[in-house]
């Protein structure tokens, strides 16, 4: 009986914490750090550091936007993701749209040079 209550208590405490993370969250994203600017332009691009692979780096860029804008697909949705090479640096530009204000679009520019071309 005590064991059952303990398990139920642990689940009751941990399930809400797990529910806060996006369904596509990978633990490796915790190692990633963000440097540089606010992502408003190439000059102010957000630099994603310590991403071991492209998958982790791309996920980190969407998590960055979630931290700034709120939940993806509840408050905003991605419209497109463009990759460009400028002066030997790789940039990912993500255009998002506010769901409640469909005319409102915003772009975030990420410097993805550190992890571009890295796969598992």
N, C-alpha and C. Protein backbone atom coordinates (compact mmCIF):
# COMPACT_ATOMS: atom_id res chain seq x y z
N UNK A 1 0.83 -1.20 0.00
CA UNK A 1 0.00 0.00 0.00
C UNK A 1 0.87 1.26 0.00
N UNK A 2 1.91 1.28 0.88
CA UNK A 2 2.80 2.43 0.92
C UNK A 2 3.53 2.61 -0.40
N UNK A 3 3.93 1.48 -1.01
CA UNK A 3 4.64 1.53 -2.28
C UNK A 3 3.74 2.12 -3.37
N UNK A 4 2.49 1.72 -3.39
CA UNK A 4 1.54 2.22 -4.38
C UNK A 4 1.32 3.72 -4.21
N UNK A 5 1.16 4.17 -2.99
CA UNK A 5 0.97 5.60 -2.73
C UNK A 5 2.20 6.39 -3.15
N UNK A 6 3.39 5.84 -2.88
CA UNK A 6 4.63 6.52 -3.28
C UNK A 6 4.72 6.65 -4.79
N UNK A 7 4.40 5.60 -5.51
CA UNK A 7 4.45 5.62 -6.98
C UNK A 7 3.44 6.62 -7.53
N UNK A 8 2.23 6.63 -6.98
CA UNK A 8 1.21 7.57 -7.43
C UNK A 8 1.64 9.00 -7.15
N UNK A 9 2.25 9.24 -6.00
CA UNK A 9 2.72 10.57 -5.65
C UNK A 9 3.84 11.02 -6.59
N UNK A 10 4.77 10.14 -6.91
CA UNK A 10 5.86 10.47 -7.83
C UNK A 10 5.29 10.80 -9.21
N UNK A 11 4.34 9.99 -9.69
CA UNK A 11 3.73 10.26 -10.99
C UNK A 11 2.96 11.58 -10.98
N UNK A 12 2.26 11.85 -9.90
CA UNK A 12 1.47 13.08 -9.81
C UNK A 12 2.37 14.31 -9.86
N UNK A 13 3.56 14.20 -9.31
CA UNK A 13 4.49 15.32 -9.30
C UNK A 13 5.23 15.44 -10.64
N UNK A 14 5.60 14.32 -11.25
CA UNK A 14 6.45 14.37 -12.45
C UNK A 14 5.68 14.56 -13.76
N UNK A 15 4.46 14.09 -13.87
CA UNK A 15 3.71 14.20 -15.13
C UNK A 15 3.49 15.66 -15.53
N UNK A 16 3.08 16.56 -14.63
CA UNK A 16 2.94 17.96 -15.07
C UNK A 16 4.26 18.57 -15.55
N UNK A 17 5.38 18.17 -14.96
CA UNK A 17 6.69 18.68 -15.41
C UNK A 17 6.99 18.19 -16.81
N UNK A 18 6.69 16.95 -17.09
CA UNK A 18 6.95 16.39 -18.41
C UNK A 18 6.04 17.03 -19.46
N UNK A 19 4.84 17.38 -19.05
CA UNK A 19 3.88 17.95 -19.99
C UNK A 19 4.29 19.34 -20.47
N UNK A 20 5.17 20.02 -19.75
CA UNK A 20 5.60 21.35 -20.14
C UNK A 20 6.55 21.33 -21.33
N UNK A 21 7.24 20.23 -21.55
CA UNK A 21 8.18 20.14 -22.65
C UNK A 21 7.45 19.79 -23.93
N UNK A 22 7.89 20.32 -25.05
CA UNK A 22 7.25 19.97 -26.32
C UNK A 22 7.39 18.47 -26.59
N UNK A 23 6.47 17.94 -27.36
CA UNK A 23 6.50 16.50 -27.64
C UNK A 23 7.73 16.10 -28.42
N UNK A 24 8.38 17.05 -29.11
CA UNK A 24 9.54 16.75 -29.91
C UNK A 24 10.85 17.06 -29.18
N UNK A 25 10.76 17.30 -27.88
CA UNK A 25 11.93 17.67 -27.08
C UNK A 25 12.92 16.51 -26.95
N UNK A 26 14.22 16.81 -27.11
CA UNK A 26 15.28 15.83 -26.91
C UNK A 26 16.16 16.34 -25.78
N UNK A 27 16.57 15.48 -24.84
CA UNK A 27 17.38 15.95 -23.71
C UNK A 27 18.69 16.61 -24.11
N UNK A 28 19.23 16.26 -25.27
CA UNK A 28 20.50 16.83 -25.71
C UNK A 28 20.42 18.34 -25.92
N UNK A 29 19.21 18.87 -26.06
CA UNK A 29 19.03 20.30 -26.29
C UNK A 29 19.46 21.09 -25.05
N UNK A 30 19.45 20.47 -23.88
CA UNK A 30 19.86 21.18 -22.66
C UNK A 30 21.30 21.65 -22.72
N UNK A 31 22.14 21.01 -23.52
CA UNK A 31 23.55 21.39 -23.64
C UNK A 31 23.75 22.63 -24.50
N UNK A 32 22.75 22.98 -25.27
CA UNK A 32 22.86 24.08 -26.23
C UNK A 32 22.82 25.42 -25.49
N UNK A 33 23.61 26.36 -26.01
CA UNK A 33 23.55 27.73 -25.48
C UNK A 33 23.32 28.69 -26.64
N UNK A 34 22.82 29.86 -26.30
CA UNK A 34 22.49 30.87 -27.30
C UNK A 34 23.39 32.09 -27.07
N UNK A 35 23.99 32.56 -28.13
CA UNK A 35 24.86 33.75 -28.07
C UNK A 35 24.42 34.72 -29.16
N UNK A 36 25.05 35.86 -29.18
CA UNK A 36 24.78 36.81 -30.26
C UNK A 36 23.61 37.72 -29.96
N UNK A 37 22.85 38.03 -31.00
CA UNK A 37 21.79 39.02 -30.90
C UNK A 37 20.41 38.43 -30.67
N UNK A 38 19.41 39.20 -31.09
CA UNK A 38 18.01 38.84 -30.86
C UNK A 38 17.36 38.10 -32.04
N UNK A 39 18.12 37.89 -33.12
CA UNK A 39 17.59 37.17 -34.27
C UNK A 39 16.82 38.02 -35.25
N UNK A 40 16.91 39.33 -35.12
CA UNK A 40 16.14 40.22 -35.98
C UNK A 40 16.74 40.41 -37.37
N UNK A 41 18.04 40.07 -37.53
CA UNK A 41 18.71 40.23 -38.83
C UNK A 41 19.94 39.33 -38.86
N UNK A 42 20.62 39.30 -40.00
CA UNK A 42 21.86 38.51 -40.10
C UNK A 42 22.92 39.06 -39.15
N UNK A 43 22.99 40.36 -39.03
CA UNK A 43 23.96 40.99 -38.13
C UNK A 43 23.64 40.69 -36.67
N UNK A 44 22.38 40.49 -36.35
CA UNK A 44 21.94 40.22 -34.98
C UNK A 44 21.46 38.78 -34.82
N UNK A 45 22.01 37.87 -35.61
CA UNK A 45 21.56 36.47 -35.58
C UNK A 45 21.83 35.84 -34.21
N UNK A 46 20.94 34.94 -33.82
CA UNK A 46 21.13 34.14 -32.61
C UNK A 46 22.09 33.02 -32.98
N UNK A 47 23.21 32.92 -32.27
CA UNK A 47 24.19 31.87 -32.53
C UNK A 47 23.89 30.68 -31.62
N UNK A 48 23.66 29.55 -32.23
CA UNK A 48 23.38 28.33 -31.46
C UNK A 48 24.70 27.60 -31.27
N UNK A 49 25.10 27.44 -30.03
CA UNK A 49 26.39 26.82 -29.69
C UNK A 49 26.18 25.47 -29.00
N UNK A 50 27.12 24.59 -29.17
CA UNK A 50 27.18 23.28 -28.53
C UNK A 50 26.08 22.31 -28.96
N UNK A 51 25.52 22.51 -30.13
CA UNK A 51 24.57 21.53 -30.67
C UNK A 51 25.40 20.44 -31.35
N UNK A 52 25.21 19.20 -30.94
CA UNK A 52 26.03 18.11 -31.45
C UNK A 52 25.65 17.68 -32.87
N UNK A 53 24.40 17.90 -33.25
CA UNK A 53 23.94 17.51 -34.58
C UNK A 53 22.99 18.58 -35.13
N UNK A 54 22.68 18.47 -36.40
CA UNK A 54 21.73 19.40 -37.02
C UNK A 54 20.35 19.27 -36.39
N UNK A 55 19.95 18.03 -36.10
CA UNK A 55 18.62 17.82 -35.50
C UNK A 55 18.50 18.57 -34.17
N UNK A 56 19.52 18.48 -33.36
CA UNK A 56 19.50 19.14 -32.05
C UNK A 56 19.53 20.66 -32.24
N UNK A 57 20.33 21.13 -33.17
CA UNK A 57 20.41 22.57 -33.43
C UNK A 57 19.11 23.15 -33.94
N UNK A 58 18.46 22.43 -34.84
CA UNK A 58 17.17 22.90 -35.36
C UNK A 58 16.12 22.92 -34.25
N UNK A 59 16.12 21.87 -33.44
CA UNK A 59 15.19 21.82 -32.32
C UNK A 59 15.44 22.98 -31.35
N UNK A 60 16.71 23.29 -31.14
CA UNK A 60 17.07 24.39 -30.24
C UNK A 60 16.55 25.72 -30.78
N UNK A 61 16.56 25.89 -32.08
CA UNK A 61 16.06 27.14 -32.65
C UNK A 61 14.55 27.30 -32.40
N UNK A 62 13.80 26.23 -32.54
CA UNK A 62 12.36 26.30 -32.26
C UNK A 62 12.08 26.49 -30.77
N UNK A 63 12.91 25.90 -29.92
CA UNK A 63 12.75 26.12 -28.47
C UNK A 63 13.06 27.57 -28.11
N UNK A 64 14.04 28.16 -28.78
CA UNK A 64 14.35 29.57 -28.55
C UNK A 64 13.12 30.43 -28.87
N UNK A 65 12.48 30.14 -30.00
CA UNK A 65 11.30 30.91 -30.37
C UNK A 65 10.17 30.68 -29.37
N UNK A 66 10.03 29.44 -28.89
CA UNK A 66 9.00 29.18 -27.87
C UNK A 66 9.24 29.99 -26.61
N UNK A 67 10.50 30.15 -26.23
CA UNK A 67 10.81 30.95 -25.04
C UNK A 67 10.42 32.41 -25.24
N UNK A 68 10.52 32.89 -26.47
CA UNK A 68 10.19 34.28 -26.76
C UNK A 68 8.71 34.50 -27.05
N UNK A 69 8.06 33.54 -27.73
CA UNK A 69 6.71 33.74 -28.24
C UNK A 69 5.62 32.95 -27.51
N UNK A 70 5.98 31.86 -26.86
CA UNK A 70 4.99 30.98 -26.25
C UNK A 70 4.88 29.68 -27.04
N UNK A 71 3.92 28.87 -26.71
CA UNK A 71 3.77 27.53 -27.28
C UNK A 71 3.54 27.53 -28.78
N UNK A 72 4.34 26.69 -29.46
CA UNK A 72 4.16 26.50 -30.89
C UNK A 72 2.82 25.79 -31.13
N UNK A 73 2.12 26.17 -32.15
CA UNK A 73 0.81 25.67 -32.58
C UNK A 73 -0.33 26.06 -31.65
N UNK A 74 -0.04 26.77 -30.56
CA UNK A 74 -1.10 27.36 -29.76
C UNK A 74 -1.11 28.87 -29.96
N UNK A 75 0.08 29.47 -29.94
CA UNK A 75 0.19 30.91 -30.09
C UNK A 75 0.76 31.27 -31.46
N UNK A 76 1.69 30.48 -31.95
CA UNK A 76 2.32 30.75 -33.23
C UNK A 76 2.56 29.44 -33.97
N UNK A 77 2.81 29.58 -35.27
CA UNK A 77 3.14 28.40 -36.07
C UNK A 77 4.26 28.77 -37.05
N UNK A 78 5.12 27.82 -37.35
CA UNK A 78 6.17 28.11 -38.32
C UNK A 78 5.60 28.11 -39.73
N UNK A 79 6.03 29.06 -40.54
CA UNK A 79 5.60 29.12 -41.93
C UNK A 79 6.67 28.56 -42.86
N UNK A 80 7.92 28.96 -42.65
CA UNK A 80 9.00 28.43 -43.49
C UNK A 80 10.34 28.56 -42.76
N UNK A 81 11.28 27.77 -43.22
CA UNK A 81 12.63 27.76 -42.68
C UNK A 81 13.59 27.76 -43.87
N UNK A 82 14.32 28.85 -44.05
CA UNK A 82 15.25 28.98 -45.17
C UNK A 82 16.68 28.89 -44.67
N UNK A 83 17.50 28.21 -45.43
CA UNK A 83 18.92 28.09 -45.11
C UNK A 83 19.71 28.86 -46.17
N UNK A 84 20.63 29.69 -45.71
CA UNK A 84 21.45 30.48 -46.62
C UNK A 84 22.91 30.47 -46.17
N UNK A 85 23.81 30.54 -47.14
CA UNK A 85 25.23 30.66 -46.85
C UNK A 85 25.68 32.06 -47.27
N UNK A 86 26.20 32.81 -46.31
CA UNK A 86 26.66 34.17 -46.55
C UNK A 86 28.04 34.31 -45.92
N UNK A 87 29.04 34.63 -46.73
CA UNK A 87 30.41 34.82 -46.24
C UNK A 87 30.90 33.65 -45.38
N UNK A 88 30.74 32.45 -45.90
CA UNK A 88 31.19 31.22 -45.22
C UNK A 88 30.51 30.94 -43.89
N UNK A 89 29.34 31.54 -43.67
CA UNK A 89 28.52 31.23 -42.49
C UNK A 89 27.16 30.75 -42.97
N UNK A 90 26.57 29.84 -42.21
CA UNK A 90 25.25 29.32 -42.54
C UNK A 90 24.21 29.93 -41.61
N UNK A 91 23.11 30.40 -42.21
CA UNK A 91 22.04 31.03 -41.47
C UNK A 91 20.73 30.32 -41.76
N UNK A 92 19.95 30.12 -40.72
CA UNK A 92 18.60 29.58 -40.85
C UNK A 92 17.64 30.71 -40.47
N UNK A 93 16.75 31.05 -41.38
CA UNK A 93 15.74 32.07 -41.12
C UNK A 93 14.39 31.39 -40.99
N UNK A 94 13.80 31.50 -39.81
CA UNK A 94 12.50 30.89 -39.54
C UNK A 94 11.45 31.99 -39.51
N UNK A 95 10.46 31.87 -40.37
CA UNK A 95 9.34 32.81 -40.39
C UNK A 95 8.18 32.16 -39.65
N UNK A 96 7.62 32.91 -38.70
CA UNK A 96 6.49 32.40 -37.92
C UNK A 96 5.29 33.31 -38.11
N UNK A 97 4.13 32.78 -37.77
CA UNK A 97 2.88 33.54 -37.88
C UNK A 97 2.12 33.40 -36.57
N UNK A 98 1.63 34.52 -36.07
CA UNK A 98 0.77 34.51 -34.89
C UNK A 98 -0.57 33.90 -35.28
N UNK A 99 -1.04 32.91 -34.54
CA UNK A 99 -2.26 32.20 -34.91
C UNK A 99 -3.50 33.08 -34.78
N UNK A 100 -3.58 33.88 -33.72
CA UNK A 100 -4.77 34.70 -33.54
C UNK A 100 -4.78 35.93 -34.45
N UNK A 101 -3.59 36.35 -34.89
CA UNK A 101 -3.48 37.50 -35.80
C UNK A 101 -2.77 37.02 -37.05
N UNK A 102 -3.50 36.43 -37.95
CA UNK A 102 -2.89 35.75 -39.10
C UNK A 102 -2.05 36.66 -39.98
N UNK A 103 -2.28 37.97 -39.91
CA UNK A 103 -1.47 38.87 -40.73
C UNK A 103 -0.12 39.18 -40.08
N UNK A 104 0.05 38.83 -38.81
CA UNK A 104 1.28 39.12 -38.09
C UNK A 104 2.32 38.02 -38.34
N UNK A 105 3.41 38.40 -39.00
CA UNK A 105 4.51 37.48 -39.26
C UNK A 105 5.78 38.05 -38.66
N UNK A 106 6.66 37.16 -38.25
CA UNK A 106 7.94 37.58 -37.68
C UNK A 106 9.02 36.62 -38.12
N UNK A 107 10.24 37.13 -38.30
CA UNK A 107 11.36 36.29 -38.69
C UNK A 107 12.39 36.24 -37.58
N UNK A 108 12.99 35.07 -37.43
CA UNK A 108 14.12 34.88 -36.52
C UNK A 108 15.28 34.33 -37.34
N UNK A 109 16.44 34.95 -37.21
CA UNK A 109 17.63 34.52 -37.94
C UNK A 109 18.59 33.85 -36.96
N UNK A 110 19.02 32.63 -37.31
CA UNK A 110 19.93 31.86 -36.46
C UNK A 110 21.22 31.59 -37.23
N UNK A 111 22.35 31.76 -36.56
CA UNK A 111 23.64 31.37 -37.12
C UNK A 111 23.84 29.90 -36.76
N UNK A 112 23.77 29.03 -37.76
CA UNK A 112 23.82 27.58 -37.55
C UNK A 112 25.15 26.98 -38.01
N UNK A 113 26.15 27.83 -38.18
CA UNK A 113 27.45 27.40 -38.70
C UNK A 113 28.07 26.30 -37.83
N UNK A 114 27.94 26.41 -36.51
CA UNK A 114 28.57 25.45 -35.60
C UNK A 114 28.10 24.02 -35.79
N UNK A 115 26.85 23.83 -36.17
CA UNK A 115 26.35 22.45 -36.29
C UNK A 115 25.93 22.07 -37.70
N UNK A 116 26.06 22.99 -38.65
CA UNK A 116 25.66 22.68 -40.02
C UNK A 116 26.46 21.50 -40.57
N UNK A 117 25.76 20.50 -41.08
CA UNK A 117 26.41 19.32 -41.67
C UNK A 117 26.75 18.22 -40.69
N UNK A 118 26.42 18.40 -39.40
CA UNK A 118 26.69 17.35 -38.40
C UNK A 118 25.47 16.45 -38.25
N UNK A 119 25.70 15.17 -38.41
CA UNK A 119 24.62 14.19 -38.25
C UNK A 119 25.05 13.14 -37.25
N UNK A 120 24.08 12.33 -36.79
CA UNK A 120 24.40 11.23 -35.86
C UNK A 120 25.31 10.24 -36.53
